[in-house]
Each structure stands twice: as C-alpha cells, then as structure tokens.
Protein backbone atom coordinates (compact mmCIF):
# COMPACT_ATOMS: atom_id res chain seq x y z
CA MET A 1 43.03 -180.35 110.46
CA ARG A 2 39.93 -179.16 109.07
CA ILE A 3 39.06 -176.01 110.26
CA GLU A 4 35.59 -174.97 108.89
CA GLY A 5 32.98 -176.29 111.01
CA LYS A 6 34.60 -177.22 114.08
CA THR A 7 34.81 -175.84 117.04
CA PHE A 8 37.69 -173.71 118.80
CA VAL A 9 38.34 -172.11 122.33
CA VAL A 10 40.50 -169.33 122.20
CA THR A 11 42.01 -167.47 125.72
CA GLY A 12 43.11 -164.00 125.19
CA GLY A 13 40.34 -163.74 122.84
CA GLY A 14 39.45 -159.96 123.71
CA ASN A 15 43.11 -158.20 122.00
CA GLY A 16 46.22 -158.94 120.33
CA ILE A 17 47.23 -162.34 119.05
CA GLY A 18 43.81 -164.00 120.77
CA ARG A 19 41.85 -161.40 118.83
CA GLU A 20 43.24 -161.98 115.41
CA VAL A 21 43.30 -165.68 116.21
CA VAL A 22 39.36 -165.38 116.63
CA LEU A 23 38.86 -163.35 113.83
CA GLY A 24 40.79 -165.88 111.52
CA LEU A 25 39.38 -168.89 112.40
CA LEU A 26 35.85 -167.53 112.01
CA ALA A 27 36.86 -166.21 108.41
CA ARG A 28 37.19 -169.34 107.90
CA GLY A 29 33.87 -171.36 109.15
CA ALA A 30 34.84 -171.97 112.34
CA ARG A 31 32.78 -171.67 115.60
CA VAL A 32 34.54 -169.88 118.27
CA ALA A 33 34.00 -169.18 122.12
CA ALA A 34 36.44 -166.09 122.56
CA LEU A 35 37.75 -165.97 126.62
CA ASP A 36 39.28 -162.91 128.12
CA LEU A 37 39.46 -161.15 131.53
CA LYS A 38 37.45 -158.02 130.44
CA ALA A 39 33.93 -158.07 128.83
CA GLU A 40 34.74 -155.03 127.25
CA ALA A 41 37.63 -156.34 125.53
CA LEU A 42 35.50 -159.27 124.04
CA TRP A 43 32.74 -156.81 122.91
CA GLU A 44 35.25 -155.42 120.65
CA THR A 45 35.99 -158.54 119.23
CA ALA A 46 32.29 -159.21 118.51
CA ARG A 47 31.88 -156.07 117.22
CA LEU A 48 34.67 -156.53 114.98
CA ALA A 49 33.65 -159.65 113.85
CA GLY A 50 30.49 -158.66 112.88
CA GLY A 51 27.17 -159.63 112.95
CA ALA A 52 27.31 -161.94 109.94
CA VAL A 53 29.14 -164.32 111.87
CA GLY A 54 25.57 -165.26 113.95
CA ASP A 55 25.96 -167.49 116.44
CA ARG A 56 29.31 -168.35 115.57
CA LEU A 57 30.53 -166.61 117.93
CA THR A 58 30.26 -166.57 121.45
CA THR A 59 32.00 -165.05 124.20
CA HIS A 60 32.85 -165.73 127.64
CA GLU A 61 34.62 -163.66 130.70
CA VAL A 62 37.00 -165.42 132.46
CA ASN A 63 39.93 -165.41 134.69
CA VAL A 64 41.85 -168.49 133.51
CA THR A 65 43.62 -168.46 137.24
CA ASP A 66 39.92 -169.71 138.41
CA ARG A 67 39.69 -173.26 138.18
CA ALA A 68 36.21 -173.45 139.01
CA ARG A 69 35.16 -170.48 136.67
CA VAL A 70 37.52 -172.33 134.00
CA ASP A 71 35.40 -175.80 134.13
CA ALA A 72 32.03 -173.72 134.40
CA VAL A 73 33.20 -172.06 130.77
CA MET A 74 33.99 -175.05 129.31
CA ALA A 75 30.53 -176.46 130.03
CA GLU A 76 28.85 -173.26 128.33
CA VAL A 77 31.27 -173.63 125.53
CA VAL A 78 29.95 -177.04 124.89
CA GLY A 79 26.17 -176.04 125.38
CA ALA A 80 26.38 -173.62 122.96
CA HIS A 81 28.27 -175.12 120.15
CA GLY A 82 27.74 -178.97 120.85
CA SER A 83 31.32 -179.77 121.44
CA ILE A 84 35.01 -178.27 121.36
CA ASP A 85 37.68 -179.38 118.72
CA GLY A 86 40.32 -176.76 119.58
CA LEU A 87 41.66 -175.55 122.56
CA LEU A 88 44.08 -172.19 121.80
CA ASN A 89 46.15 -171.16 124.90
CA VAL A 90 46.97 -167.25 123.99
CA ALA A 91 46.17 -165.48 127.02
CA GLY A 92 49.48 -164.07 128.85
CA ILE A 93 51.14 -161.34 130.78
CA ILE A 94 54.72 -160.19 131.42
CA GLN A 95 55.93 -159.01 134.79
CA PRO A 96 56.82 -155.38 135.37
CA PHE A 97 60.46 -154.96 134.06
CA VAL A 98 62.98 -155.15 137.41
CA LYS A 99 65.10 -157.64 138.32
CA VAL A 100 64.48 -160.88 140.28
CA VAL A 101 65.84 -158.71 143.55
CA ASP A 102 63.20 -156.19 143.00
CA LEU A 103 60.57 -157.87 141.98
CA SER A 104 57.75 -158.93 144.48
CA ILE A 105 56.80 -162.49 145.34
CA GLU A 106 52.79 -161.27 144.43
CA ASP A 107 54.13 -160.22 141.14
CA MET A 108 56.07 -163.96 140.46
CA HIS A 109 52.62 -165.73 141.52
CA ARG A 110 50.64 -163.35 139.18
CA VAL A 111 52.58 -164.32 136.31
CA MET A 112 52.74 -168.28 136.95
CA ASP A 113 49.73 -168.05 137.59
CA VAL A 114 47.92 -166.72 134.53
CA ASN A 115 50.94 -168.25 132.08
CA PHE A 116 51.24 -171.16 133.49
CA TRP A 117 48.27 -172.44 135.51
CA GLY A 118 45.88 -170.76 133.18
CA VAL A 119 47.09 -173.13 130.65
CA VAL A 120 46.97 -176.24 132.72
CA HIS A 121 43.29 -175.24 133.80
CA THR A 122 41.83 -174.42 130.39
CA THR A 123 44.03 -177.87 129.49
CA LYS A 124 42.65 -180.14 132.20
CA ALA A 125 39.08 -178.91 131.47
CA ALA A 126 39.19 -179.15 127.77
CA LEU A 127 41.31 -182.56 127.28
CA PRO A 128 38.79 -185.33 128.14
CA GLY A 129 36.41 -184.36 125.59
CA LEU A 130 39.00 -183.42 122.49
CA LEU A 131 40.40 -186.95 123.34
CA THR A 132 36.73 -188.24 122.00
CA ARG A 133 36.70 -185.93 118.84
CA PRO A 134 37.75 -187.07 115.65
CA GLU A 135 40.40 -184.45 115.05
CA ALA A 136 41.08 -182.05 117.39
CA CYS A 137 44.21 -179.61 118.48
CA ILE A 138 45.62 -177.71 121.92
CA VAL A 139 47.78 -175.23 120.54
CA ASN A 140 49.88 -173.59 123.66
CA VAL A 141 51.56 -170.06 122.94
CA SER A 142 54.98 -169.92 124.85
CA SER A 143 57.54 -166.73 124.01
CA MET A 144 61.10 -166.44 122.28
CA GLY A 145 61.38 -165.88 126.05
CA GLY A 146 61.20 -169.26 127.08
CA PHE A 147 64.32 -170.59 125.82
CA CYS A 148 65.87 -167.25 125.82
CA PRO A 149 66.22 -165.70 129.03
CA VAL A 150 65.29 -161.64 129.16
CA PRO A 151 66.77 -159.66 131.87
CA GLY A 152 63.59 -158.27 133.93
CA GLN A 153 61.79 -160.76 132.61
CA SER A 154 63.12 -163.73 134.56
CA VAL A 155 60.01 -165.10 135.81
CA TYR A 156 57.64 -164.20 132.53
CA GLY A 157 60.43 -166.02 131.05
CA ALA A 158 60.33 -168.98 133.46
CA SER A 159 56.32 -169.17 133.20
CA LYS A 160 56.67 -169.57 129.26
CA ALA A 161 59.45 -171.92 129.26
CA ALA A 162 57.10 -174.11 131.37
CA VAL A 163 54.57 -173.72 129.31
CA LYS A 164 57.00 -175.01 126.60
CA LEU A 165 57.79 -178.59 128.46
CA PHE A 166 54.49 -178.73 129.83
CA THR A 167 53.10 -178.77 126.19
CA GLU A 168 56.02 -181.01 124.90
CA GLY A 169 55.20 -183.41 127.52
CA LEU A 170 51.34 -183.12 126.78
CA TYR A 171 51.97 -184.00 123.25
CA ALA A 172 54.35 -187.14 124.10
CA GLU A 173 51.42 -188.36 125.73
CA VAL A 174 48.74 -188.25 123.39
CA ARG A 175 50.70 -189.21 120.65
CA GLY A 176 48.92 -192.19 118.40
CA THR A 177 45.37 -190.09 119.49
CA SER A 178 43.14 -187.39 117.46
CA VAL A 179 45.07 -184.37 119.56
CA ALA A 180 47.58 -183.18 117.40
CA VAL A 181 49.60 -180.69 119.84
CA THR A 182 51.39 -177.40 118.87
CA VAL A 183 53.93 -175.01 121.03
CA VAL A 184 54.39 -171.37 119.41
CA PHE A 185 57.10 -169.35 119.65
CA PRO A 186 56.32 -165.73 119.29
CA GLY A 187 59.19 -163.04 119.20
CA ALA A 188 58.09 -158.87 119.15
CA ILE A 189 54.67 -158.88 118.45
CA LYS A 190 53.01 -155.16 118.12
CA THR A 191 50.22 -156.16 120.85
CA GLY A 192 50.68 -153.69 123.69
CA ILE A 193 50.75 -156.94 126.27
CA SER A 194 52.52 -153.96 128.97
CA THR A 195 49.32 -152.49 128.98
CA ASN A 196 47.31 -155.75 129.33
CA SER A 197 49.41 -156.61 131.50
CA GLY A 198 49.33 -153.64 134.24
CA VAL A 199 52.70 -153.04 133.49
CA THR A 200 54.80 -149.92 132.62
CA THR A 201 58.59 -150.04 131.46
CA ILE A 202 61.13 -147.19 131.93
CA GLY A 203 59.62 -144.22 131.17
CA GLY A 204 55.99 -144.89 131.31
CA ASN A 205 56.47 -146.28 127.47
CA ASP A 206 54.74 -149.44 126.21
CA GLU A 207 57.93 -152.27 125.23
CA ALA A 208 56.18 -152.51 121.49
CA SER A 209 57.59 -148.30 120.79
CA VAL A 210 60.83 -148.90 123.13
CA GLU A 211 62.04 -151.64 121.23
CA GLU A 212 60.39 -150.75 118.07
CA SER A 213 63.87 -149.50 116.55
CA LYS A 214 65.77 -152.53 117.86
CA PHE A 215 64.01 -155.51 116.79
CA PRO A 216 61.60 -156.24 113.73
CA MET A 217 58.03 -156.46 115.34
CA THR A 218 55.57 -159.09 113.62
CA GLU A 219 52.02 -157.62 113.38
CA PRO A 220 49.07 -159.78 115.45
CA SER A 221 46.96 -160.56 112.25
CA GLU A 222 50.35 -162.70 110.73
CA ALA A 223 50.65 -164.11 113.81
CA ALA A 224 47.81 -165.39 113.87
CA ARG A 225 47.63 -166.34 110.52
CA GLN A 226 50.75 -168.62 111.23
CA ILE A 227 49.22 -169.92 114.15
CA ILE A 228 45.80 -170.94 112.29
CA GLU A 229 48.03 -172.79 109.18
CA ALA A 230 49.98 -174.64 112.74
CA VAL A 231 46.34 -175.71 113.29
CA VAL A 232 45.36 -176.95 109.68
CA LYS A 233 48.88 -178.58 109.31
CA GLY A 234 48.89 -180.25 112.65
CA ARG A 235 52.75 -178.65 113.44
CA TYR A 236 54.49 -179.77 116.40
CA ARG A 237 56.44 -176.44 116.82
CA ILE A 238 56.77 -172.92 115.45
CA THR A 239 58.40 -169.45 115.66
CA ILE A 240 57.10 -166.38 114.61
CA GLY A 241 59.49 -163.88 113.52
CA LYS A 242 62.92 -163.35 112.46
CA ASP A 243 63.75 -162.53 115.74
CA ALA A 244 62.49 -165.70 117.28
CA GLY A 245 63.88 -167.84 114.76
CA MET A 246 67.10 -166.56 114.74
CA LEU A 247 67.28 -166.76 118.51
CA ASP A 248 66.27 -170.37 118.91
CA ARG A 249 68.88 -170.96 116.57
CA PHE A 250 71.56 -169.17 118.37
CA SER A 251 70.42 -169.96 121.71
CA ARG A 252 70.59 -173.60 121.16
CA LEU A 253 74.33 -173.33 119.24
CA ALA A 254 75.96 -170.66 121.63
CA PRO A 255 73.49 -170.45 124.72
CA GLN A 256 75.90 -167.57 126.72
CA ARG A 257 76.45 -166.44 124.19
CA ALA A 258 72.93 -165.38 123.12
CA THR A 259 72.26 -164.51 126.72
CA ASP A 260 75.04 -161.97 126.68
CA LEU A 261 73.36 -160.52 123.30
CA ILE A 262 69.55 -160.03 124.77
CA ALA A 263 71.01 -158.55 127.65
CA LYS A 264 72.68 -155.94 126.36
CA LYS A 265 69.90 -155.44 123.69
CA MET A 266 67.59 -154.84 126.55
CA ALA A 267 69.62 -153.28 129.29
CA SER A 268 67.99 -149.82 128.56
CA LEU A 269 64.63 -151.14 130.05
CA LEU A 270 66.11 -151.95 133.22
CA GLY A 271 67.54 -148.34 133.52
C-alpha cells in the first residue's frame, strides 16, 4: 500500500509506539489522525511533528471504550481529511502485576475494554468506509503475550489473544477486497506502558527498567518502522523483537516448555 497522500487513523498516538507510528507516517507524506485518551500527550505528538506538517495531522481526544465517541471521531476524521485509508490500532494497557486470584473484576474489565473492545469499536466504525477505498489497511497490535502466557498478566494476554483471533478472522472475511489486514506481535518495547496503564510493579518500577537486564528491548521508533513497512508490503503477520520471534517459534513447537520458561523469567514481578 502506498503511504504518501493517504489518510491513517492511529490509536494510542500520544505516546510510545503509537506516537512513533504517527511521526513515521507523517515523514512519508501521509495524512494522520492521532487518537489518544490524553490531550496533553497528543499536544506533545503534534509538537514533535512540527509545524511543517500543516493540516496533515489532526489530533482527537477519545476513549476507545466509548463506542459513541469513537463513531463521532471517525466522522470528524473524514470531515478533516476527506476519507480514511488505514486504521492502526496501537492503543493498549496492561493489568496490575498480580495473579488472577488477586486481580479485581474491575481491572479485568478495564483491560478487556481497552485492548479488545477498543479495537472492535474502531474497526466497526472504520471498516465500511475502508471497503470503499481503492487500497486500504487495518493493523491491530496484539502482543507476544497473546500467544505465550505471562504470569501476572493473564487477563492482558487474554485480551491480546482476542485481538489476534479477531484480526485473523477479519483477514479471512475481507480476503479479495481492497483492505489488507495485519496483526502485530511486539515483544519487549521501551514504551513505559506500566506508567501509561496506571500500574506499578514490585518495588514501584516500570517494567522496562525491571526487565531490561533479562530481555533485549526494541526502541519504539524501530517498532513503528516495522509496522509501517508491514503496511507498505501488506503483511499478514509480523513479530517485533528477537524475543517475540523466538517465543513465537518456541511456543508452537513446545508450548508447555515455553510457558515454564516465561514463568521462571517473570517470577520476580510477582514477588
């Protein structure tokens, strides 16, 4: 898919991978609507983009769990840009680092609402228009936690597994149309997702600082580059980071051994 001149909606555009995707698309000549829960985060994305992008960037404060607001924002984007050619669902949160027995039902619903239902809401709102475009895409960010369970992140993993199967099912449904569908499995990325999720780990540390010595971590800009390349090439599926690639293979060949490996690696996060 060609990037230049096309309009892309990016959720989670105020920080981390989402912000880098916004900046990367703009650098390639795209028009971008950046969506995020936090207005101040969107202002920073706009500042980093610089004034030279002109009206090619619009920012939209939205909670993706609010279906009516998502529908309204998609209408705003069409009004500002004329059409939507691509939807990239990057927004996501993790759960508190606790076992299921200690995790509140409210936290479970919050994670599923943002990570899964947020993707469903934006997809339902954008898909009819995307199907009318000469070329279009939907990119949904899952996680390596969606195919290999992480103790203390069981509901987060379930939400990302739901994104995986939803995206793969969507791909099967739109085969033969102009819409390319991609599912993305990032490994450990230096994004500060704990802070953005309102979660602290044992000792109050961000997960990046806790796990940096155990896992090689990918920079958000590199993750964004790979996601944008997947859009260009119309990829069905990508993993990001050596950790995600290794666990993808390992979990298919020896699922129990892969689960045991991760459980041992991550044990310190549960105290």
